[in-house]
Each structure stands twice: as C-alpha cells, then as structure tokens.
C-alpha cells in the first residue's frame, strides 16, 4: 500500500476545510510524496485498525509515515515540512509543546463544520489525482 518514498494522509472526507487542505497539499507536492484517503473509507479503517486508532477517529488528520503515526498538530507540521515553497518553515513550530498546539488544533477541529461546512458524501478524486488516493 505504501512505498518507502511516500506517506499517507488520512482526512475527514466530508469536511470542506479538509478537502481544501488536500487540494493545498496536492498543489505543493509535485513529487507525489503524499497519498490520501478519507477516514470514512474502508482502506483508512484498515489502517486505523492496524495502528490501534479508533474507527470513529474523524476529528484529526492522520499522517502515516515510515511506519509511524502522527495526528493533530504534529501531522500538520510534518506534512508542511515536505511541501514546496515557504511551507517547510512551519516545521519550526514543533518546538511549541504538543499540549498547546493540539489544544488549538482540537478547538479548530470541533468548529470546522460550523465555519466551513460539510459535504453529503466523501470527496471523489479527479481522474488526474486518482492514483494519489488509496
């Protein structure tokens, strides 16, 4: 499912903000390092189970990289470090204690549907991006 030179981002497939985030990463990942999967998909459920995460784990982005799992703010920072442009500089924010950065992440995650809306079903990748989705 994964090669040594790729990582998987699991995201809330019905969240408008999360889908925009996937587009953001796709546009800044020209080498195709990241692959994507909606947390609601059977493939993602299998990965969540493999890494002992709850099946209803929808309030966080999950990054699986080199056999390790990162969630919440740590996933965001690790993703940023692999993007083109100025985005890798965000990785310096890892010096902020995880309790603080995850508290901010959690507040945002709890409000994302109210602020950005929600889709009726999961995102369907475009033909050109289909190979980037699990």
N, C-alpha and C. Protein backbone atom coordinates (compact mmCIF):
# COMPACT_ATOMS: atom_id res chain seq x y z
N UNK A 1 0.82 -1.19 0.00
CA UNK A 1 0.00 0.00 0.00
C UNK A 1 0.86 1.26 0.00
N UNK A 2 2.05 1.21 0.63
CA UNK A 2 2.93 2.38 0.67
C UNK A 2 4.32 1.98 0.24
N UNK A 3 4.98 2.90 -0.42
CA UNK A 3 6.39 2.68 -0.73
C UNK A 3 7.23 3.42 0.29
N UNK A 4 8.53 3.20 0.25
CA UNK A 4 9.44 3.88 1.17
C UNK A 4 9.43 5.39 0.96
N UNK A 5 9.11 5.83 -0.25
CA UNK A 5 9.19 7.25 -0.55
C UNK A 5 7.82 7.91 -0.58
N UNK A 6 6.91 7.42 0.25
CA UNK A 6 5.60 8.05 0.31
C UNK A 6 5.03 7.98 1.73
N UNK A 7 4.05 8.82 1.94
CA UNK A 7 3.34 8.83 3.22
C UNK A 7 1.86 8.96 2.89
N UNK A 8 1.02 8.55 3.83
CA UNK A 8 -0.43 8.62 3.63
C UNK A 8 -1.03 9.62 4.60
N UNK A 9 -1.86 10.49 4.05
CA UNK A 9 -2.63 11.44 4.84
C UNK A 9 -4.07 10.95 4.86
N UNK A 10 -4.59 10.69 6.04
CA UNK A 10 -5.99 10.33 6.21
C UNK A 10 -6.72 11.57 6.70
N UNK A 11 -7.82 11.91 6.04
CA UNK A 11 -8.53 13.14 6.32
C UNK A 11 -10.03 12.88 6.36
N UNK A 12 -10.76 13.80 6.95
CA UNK A 12 -12.21 13.72 7.02
C UNK A 12 -12.76 14.03 5.63
N UNK A 13 -13.26 13.03 4.95
CA UNK A 13 -13.68 13.15 3.56
C UNK A 13 -14.92 14.00 3.33
N UNK A 14 -15.68 14.32 4.36
CA UNK A 14 -16.87 15.15 4.18
C UNK A 14 -16.66 16.59 4.65
N UNK A 15 -15.51 16.90 5.19
CA UNK A 15 -15.20 18.23 5.70
C UNK A 15 -14.70 19.12 4.56
N UNK A 16 -15.38 20.24 4.34
CA UNK A 16 -14.98 21.16 3.28
C UNK A 16 -13.57 21.69 3.50
N UNK A 17 -13.24 22.06 4.73
CA UNK A 17 -11.90 22.57 5.01
C UNK A 17 -10.85 21.49 4.75
N UNK A 18 -11.13 20.28 5.18
CA UNK A 18 -10.18 19.18 5.00
C UNK A 18 -9.94 18.90 3.51
N UNK A 19 -11.00 18.93 2.72
CA UNK A 19 -10.86 18.73 1.28
C UNK A 19 -10.06 19.85 0.64
N UNK A 20 -10.23 21.07 1.12
CA UNK A 20 -9.41 22.19 0.64
C UNK A 20 -7.95 21.96 1.02
N UNK A 21 -7.73 21.41 2.20
CA UNK A 21 -6.38 21.09 2.63
C UNK A 21 -5.72 20.05 1.74
N UNK A 22 -6.49 19.06 1.31
CA UNK A 22 -5.96 18.05 0.39
C UNK A 22 -5.55 18.73 -0.92
N UNK A 23 -6.40 19.61 -1.44
CA UNK A 23 -6.06 20.33 -2.67
C UNK A 23 -4.78 21.15 -2.47
N UNK A 24 -4.65 21.79 -1.32
CA UNK A 24 -3.48 22.59 -0.99
C UNK A 24 -2.22 21.72 -1.05
N UNK A 25 -2.27 20.55 -0.43
CA UNK A 25 -1.11 19.66 -0.43
C UNK A 25 -0.83 19.13 -1.83
N UNK A 26 -1.87 18.74 -2.56
CA UNK A 26 -1.67 18.26 -3.94
C UNK A 26 -0.93 19.30 -4.78
N UNK A 27 -1.30 20.56 -4.62
CA UNK A 27 -0.68 21.64 -5.41
C UNK A 27 0.76 21.90 -5.00
N UNK A 28 1.16 21.50 -3.81
CA UNK A 28 2.50 21.80 -3.30
C UNK A 28 3.34 20.54 -3.09
N UNK A 29 2.91 19.46 -3.68
CA UNK A 29 3.62 18.17 -3.57
C UNK A 29 3.84 17.60 -4.97
N UNK A 30 4.64 18.28 -5.79
CA UNK A 30 4.79 17.86 -7.19
C UNK A 30 5.44 16.49 -7.37
N UNK A 31 6.19 16.04 -6.38
CA UNK A 31 6.83 14.73 -6.49
C UNK A 31 5.90 13.59 -6.08
N UNK A 32 4.73 13.93 -5.57
CA UNK A 32 3.77 12.89 -5.20
C UNK A 32 4.14 12.10 -3.97
N UNK A 33 4.80 12.74 -3.02
CA UNK A 33 5.19 12.06 -1.79
C UNK A 33 3.97 11.59 -0.99
N UNK A 34 2.94 12.42 -0.97
CA UNK A 34 1.76 12.11 -0.17
C UNK A 34 0.68 11.41 -1.00
N UNK A 35 0.08 10.42 -0.35
CA UNK A 35 -1.14 9.79 -0.86
C UNK A 35 -2.22 10.11 0.14
N UNK A 36 -3.46 9.96 -0.26
CA UNK A 36 -4.58 10.42 0.56
C UNK A 36 -5.66 9.36 0.68
N UNK A 37 -6.37 9.42 1.79
CA UNK A 37 -7.52 8.56 1.98
C UNK A 37 -8.50 9.20 2.94
N UNK A 38 -9.76 9.11 2.61
CA UNK A 38 -10.80 9.62 3.50
C UNK A 38 -10.89 8.69 4.71
N UNK A 39 -10.96 9.26 5.88
CA UNK A 39 -11.07 8.47 7.11
C UNK A 39 -12.29 7.54 7.08
N UNK A 40 -13.29 7.91 6.32
CA UNK A 40 -14.51 7.10 6.24
C UNK A 40 -14.36 5.90 5.32
N UNK A 41 -13.28 5.80 4.55
CA UNK A 41 -13.11 4.71 3.59
C UNK A 41 -12.69 3.41 4.28
N UNK A 42 -12.97 2.31 3.62
CA UNK A 42 -12.60 1.01 4.18
C UNK A 42 -11.08 0.87 4.27
N UNK A 43 -10.36 1.44 3.32
CA UNK A 43 -8.89 1.39 3.35
C UNK A 43 -8.34 2.12 4.57
N UNK A 44 -8.92 3.29 4.83
CA UNK A 44 -8.48 4.05 6.01
C UNK A 44 -8.84 3.33 7.29
N UNK A 45 -10.01 2.73 7.32
CA UNK A 45 -10.42 1.98 8.50
C UNK A 45 -9.44 0.84 8.80
N UNK A 46 -8.97 0.18 7.74
CA UNK A 46 -7.98 -0.88 7.90
C UNK A 46 -6.68 -0.32 8.49
N UNK A 47 -6.26 0.84 7.99
CA UNK A 47 -5.04 1.47 8.52
C UNK A 47 -5.22 1.92 9.96
N UNK A 48 -6.38 2.49 10.29
CA UNK A 48 -6.63 2.90 11.67
C UNK A 48 -6.55 1.70 12.60
N UNK A 49 -7.15 0.61 12.18
CA UNK A 49 -7.12 -0.61 12.98
C UNK A 49 -5.68 -1.11 13.14
N UNK A 50 -4.92 -1.11 12.05
CA UNK A 50 -3.53 -1.56 12.09
C UNK A 50 -2.70 -0.76 13.09
N UNK A 51 -2.97 0.53 13.21
CA UNK A 51 -2.20 1.39 14.10
C UNK A 51 -2.93 1.66 15.41
N UNK A 52 -3.89 0.82 15.75
CA UNK A 52 -4.62 0.88 17.03
C UNK A 52 -5.28 2.23 17.30
N UNK A 53 -5.85 2.82 16.25
CA UNK A 53 -6.61 4.05 16.39
C UNK A 53 -8.10 3.71 16.29
N UNK A 54 -8.95 4.44 16.98
CA UNK A 54 -10.38 4.15 16.93
C UNK A 54 -10.96 4.35 15.53
N UNK A 55 -11.93 3.52 15.17
CA UNK A 55 -12.56 3.60 13.85
C UNK A 55 -13.31 4.91 13.65
N UNK A 56 -13.76 5.52 14.71
CA UNK A 56 -14.51 6.78 14.60
C UNK A 56 -13.59 7.99 14.77
N UNK A 57 -12.35 7.84 14.45
CA UNK A 57 -11.33 8.88 14.61
C UNK A 57 -11.46 9.88 13.46
N UNK A 58 -12.42 10.80 13.57
CA UNK A 58 -12.70 11.74 12.49
C UNK A 58 -12.29 13.17 12.80
N UNK A 59 -11.92 13.46 14.02
CA UNK A 59 -11.61 14.84 14.40
C UNK A 59 -10.13 15.17 14.26
N UNK A 60 -9.41 14.38 13.52
CA UNK A 60 -7.99 14.65 13.35
C UNK A 60 -7.54 14.23 11.97
N UNK A 61 -6.54 14.92 11.49
CA UNK A 61 -5.82 14.46 10.32
C UNK A 61 -4.82 13.42 10.84
N UNK A 62 -4.58 12.40 10.06
CA UNK A 62 -3.65 11.34 10.46
C UNK A 62 -2.61 11.22 9.35
N UNK A 63 -1.35 11.22 9.74
CA UNK A 63 -0.25 11.02 8.81
C UNK A 63 0.43 9.72 9.17
N UNK A 64 0.57 8.84 8.20
CA UNK A 64 1.32 7.60 8.38
C UNK A 64 2.57 7.73 7.52
N UNK A 65 3.71 7.73 8.21
CA UNK A 65 4.98 7.97 7.54
C UNK A 65 6.05 7.10 8.16
N UNK A 66 6.73 6.33 7.35
CA UNK A 66 7.82 5.46 7.81
C UNK A 66 7.38 4.55 8.96
N UNK A 67 6.15 4.05 8.89
CA UNK A 67 5.65 3.14 9.91
C UNK A 67 5.22 3.83 11.20
N UNK A 68 5.26 5.14 11.23
CA UNK A 68 4.84 5.91 12.40
C UNK A 68 3.55 6.65 12.10
N UNK A 69 2.77 6.90 13.15
CA UNK A 69 1.51 7.61 13.01
C UNK A 69 1.61 8.93 13.75
N UNK A 70 1.19 9.98 13.06
CA UNK A 70 1.15 11.31 13.65
C UNK A 70 -0.26 11.85 13.46
N UNK A 71 -0.75 12.56 14.45
CA UNK A 71 -2.10 13.11 14.37
C UNK A 71 -2.08 14.56 14.84
N UNK A 72 -3.20 15.23 14.58
CA UNK A 72 -3.39 16.59 15.04
C UNK A 72 -2.29 17.53 14.54
N UNK A 73 -1.80 18.39 15.43
CA UNK A 73 -0.83 19.41 15.02
C UNK A 73 0.48 18.80 14.53
N UNK A 74 0.88 17.70 15.11
CA UNK A 74 2.15 17.08 14.69
C UNK A 74 2.05 16.57 13.26
N UNK A 75 0.90 16.07 12.86
CA UNK A 75 0.72 15.64 11.47
C UNK A 75 0.82 16.84 10.53
N UNK A 76 0.16 17.94 10.89
CA UNK A 76 0.19 19.14 10.06
C UNK A 76 1.62 19.63 9.87
N UNK A 77 2.39 19.69 10.94
CA UNK A 77 3.76 20.19 10.86
C UNK A 77 4.64 19.27 10.02
N UNK A 78 4.47 17.97 10.16
CA UNK A 78 5.27 17.02 9.38
C UNK A 78 4.89 17.08 7.90
N UNK A 79 3.63 17.33 7.62
CA UNK A 79 3.22 17.49 6.22
C UNK A 79 3.85 18.76 5.65
N UNK A 80 3.78 19.85 6.39
CA UNK A 80 4.31 21.13 5.91
C UNK A 80 5.79 21.03 5.54
N UNK A 81 6.55 20.24 6.26
CA UNK A 81 7.99 20.16 6.00
C UNK A 81 8.32 19.54 4.65
N UNK A 82 7.36 18.83 4.04
CA UNK A 82 7.59 18.18 2.75
C UNK A 82 7.03 18.96 1.56
N UNK A 83 6.39 20.10 1.81
CA UNK A 83 5.77 20.86 0.73
C UNK A 83 6.76 21.82 0.09
N UNK A 84 6.45 22.24 -1.12
CA UNK A 84 7.29 23.23 -1.80
C UNK A 84 6.94 24.63 -1.30
N UNK A 85 7.79 25.57 -1.61
CA UNK A 85 7.55 26.95 -1.21
C UNK A 85 8.05 27.21 0.21
N UNK A 86 7.38 28.14 0.88
CA UNK A 86 7.81 28.54 2.22
C UNK A 86 7.26 27.64 3.32
N UNK A 87 6.39 26.73 2.99
CA UNK A 87 5.67 25.93 3.99
C UNK A 87 6.55 25.10 4.91
N UNK A 88 7.71 24.59 4.49
CA UNK A 88 8.54 23.83 5.43
C UNK A 88 8.97 24.63 6.67
N UNK A 89 8.96 25.93 6.57
CA UNK A 89 9.33 26.75 7.74
C UNK A 89 8.38 26.52 8.92
N UNK A 90 7.15 26.12 8.62
CA UNK A 90 6.18 25.84 9.70
C UNK A 90 6.65 24.71 10.61
N UNK A 91 7.53 23.85 10.10
CA UNK A 91 8.01 22.74 10.91
C UNK A 91 8.73 23.23 12.17
N UNK A 92 9.22 24.45 12.15
CA UNK A 92 9.87 25.02 13.34
C UNK A 92 8.88 25.15 14.50
N UNK A 93 7.59 25.21 14.21
CA UNK A 93 6.59 25.32 15.27
C UNK A 93 6.50 24.05 16.12
N UNK A 94 7.24 23.02 15.76
CA UNK A 94 7.22 21.80 16.57
C UNK A 94 7.82 22.04 17.96
N UNK A 95 8.49 23.17 18.14
CA UNK A 95 9.04 23.49 19.46
C UNK A 95 7.93 23.89 20.45
N UNK A 96 6.77 24.23 19.94
CA UNK A 96 5.62 24.53 20.82
C UNK A 96 5.19 23.22 21.47
N UNK A 97 4.98 23.20 22.75
CA UNK A 97 4.55 21.96 23.41
C UNK A 97 3.29 21.40 22.75
N UNK A 98 3.28 20.09 22.57
CA UNK A 98 2.18 19.44 21.88
C UNK A 98 0.84 19.67 22.60
N UNK A 99 0.87 19.82 23.91
CA UNK A 99 -0.39 20.08 24.63
C UNK A 99 -1.02 21.39 24.18
N UNK A 100 -0.19 22.37 23.90
CA UNK A 100 -0.71 23.67 23.44
C UNK A 100 -1.14 23.60 21.98
N UNK A 101 -0.27 23.08 21.11
CA UNK A 101 -0.62 23.04 19.69
C UNK A 101 -1.80 22.12 19.42
N UNK A 102 -1.91 21.01 20.15
CA UNK A 102 -3.06 20.11 19.97
C UNK A 102 -4.35 20.71 20.54
N UNK A 103 -4.24 21.53 21.58
CA UNK A 103 -5.43 22.21 22.11
C UNK A 103 -5.99 23.18 21.06
N UNK A 104 -5.10 23.90 20.40
CA UNK A 104 -5.54 24.82 19.33
C UNK A 104 -6.12 24.02 18.18
N UNK A 105 -5.44 22.95 17.80
CA UNK A 105 -5.93 22.08 16.72
C UNK A 105 -7.32 21.54 17.07
N UNK A 106 -7.49 21.06 18.29
CA UNK A 106 -8.77 20.50 18.72
C UNK A 106 -9.90 21.51 18.67
N UNK A 107 -9.62 22.74 19.11
CA UNK A 107 -10.63 23.81 19.05
C UNK A 107 -11.06 24.04 17.60
N UNK A 108 -10.07 24.11 16.70
CA UNK A 108 -10.38 24.33 15.28
C UNK A 108 -11.18 23.14 14.73
N UNK A 109 -10.75 21.93 15.04
CA UNK A 109 -11.41 20.72 14.53
C UNK A 109 -12.87 20.64 15.00
N UNK A 110 -13.13 21.03 16.23
CA UNK A 110 -14.50 20.99 16.74
C UNK A 110 -15.43 21.99 16.04
N UNK A 111 -14.86 23.01 15.48
CA UNK A 111 -15.66 24.07 14.86
C UNK A 111 -15.63 24.07 13.33
N UNK A 112 -14.88 23.18 12.72
CA UNK A 112 -14.67 23.24 11.27
C UNK A 112 -15.96 23.09 10.47
N UNK A 113 -16.88 22.25 10.88
CA UNK A 113 -18.13 22.10 10.14
C UNK A 113 -18.96 23.38 10.20
N UNK A 114 -19.00 24.01 11.37
CA UNK A 114 -19.75 25.25 11.52
C UNK A 114 -19.17 26.37 10.65
N UNK A 115 -17.86 26.43 10.57
CA UNK A 115 -17.20 27.51 9.85
C UNK A 115 -17.12 27.27 8.35
N UNK A 116 -16.88 26.03 7.94
CA UNK A 116 -16.61 25.74 6.53
C UNK A 116 -17.63 24.83 5.86
N UNK A 117 -18.47 24.20 6.64
CA UNK A 117 -19.49 23.33 6.08
C UNK A 117 -19.05 21.89 5.94
N UNK A 118 -19.99 21.11 5.47
CA UNK A 118 -19.80 19.66 5.40
C UNK A 118 -20.47 19.16 4.13
N UNK A 119 -19.86 18.18 3.48
CA UNK A 119 -20.42 17.56 2.28
C UNK A 119 -21.35 16.41 2.67
N UNK A 120 -22.19 16.00 1.75
CA UNK A 120 -23.08 14.86 1.99
C UNK A 120 -22.36 13.53 1.82
N UNK A 121 -21.28 13.53 1.05
CA UNK A 121 -20.53 12.31 0.83
C UNK A 121 -19.05 12.66 0.68
N UNK A 122 -18.22 11.64 0.70
CA UNK A 122 -16.77 11.85 0.62
C UNK A 122 -16.36 12.34 -0.76
N UNK A 123 -15.25 13.00 -0.76
CA UNK A 123 -14.65 13.53 -1.98
C UNK A 123 -14.36 12.40 -2.97
N UNK A 124 -14.58 12.67 -4.24
CA UNK A 124 -14.20 11.75 -5.31
C UNK A 124 -13.03 12.39 -6.03
N UNK A 125 -11.89 11.71 -6.08
CA UNK A 125 -10.72 12.32 -6.72
C UNK A 125 -10.94 12.52 -8.22
N UNK A 126 -10.28 13.54 -8.75
CA UNK A 126 -10.32 13.76 -10.19
C UNK A 126 -9.52 12.65 -10.86
N UNK A 127 -9.73 12.50 -12.16
CA UNK A 127 -9.01 11.48 -12.92
C UNK A 127 -7.49 11.66 -12.79
N UNK A 128 -7.03 12.91 -12.85
CA UNK A 128 -5.60 13.17 -12.77
C UNK A 128 -5.00 12.91 -11.40
N UNK A 129 -5.82 12.94 -10.35
CA UNK A 129 -5.33 12.71 -8.99
C UNK A 129 -5.67 11.32 -8.45
N UNK A 130 -6.38 10.53 -9.20
CA UNK A 130 -6.88 9.24 -8.70
C UNK A 130 -5.76 8.34 -8.17
N UNK A 131 -4.60 8.35 -8.81
CA UNK A 131 -3.51 7.49 -8.34
C UNK A 131 -2.89 7.94 -7.04
N UNK A 132 -3.26 9.13 -6.56
CA UNK A 132 -2.74 9.64 -5.29
C UNK A 132 -3.64 9.27 -4.11
N UNK A 133 -4.75 8.60 -4.38
CA UNK A 133 -5.71 8.24 -3.34
C UNK A 133 -5.72 6.74 -3.13
N UNK A 134 -5.83 6.35 -1.85
CA UNK A 134 -5.86 4.92 -1.53
C UNK A 134 -7.27 4.39 -1.66
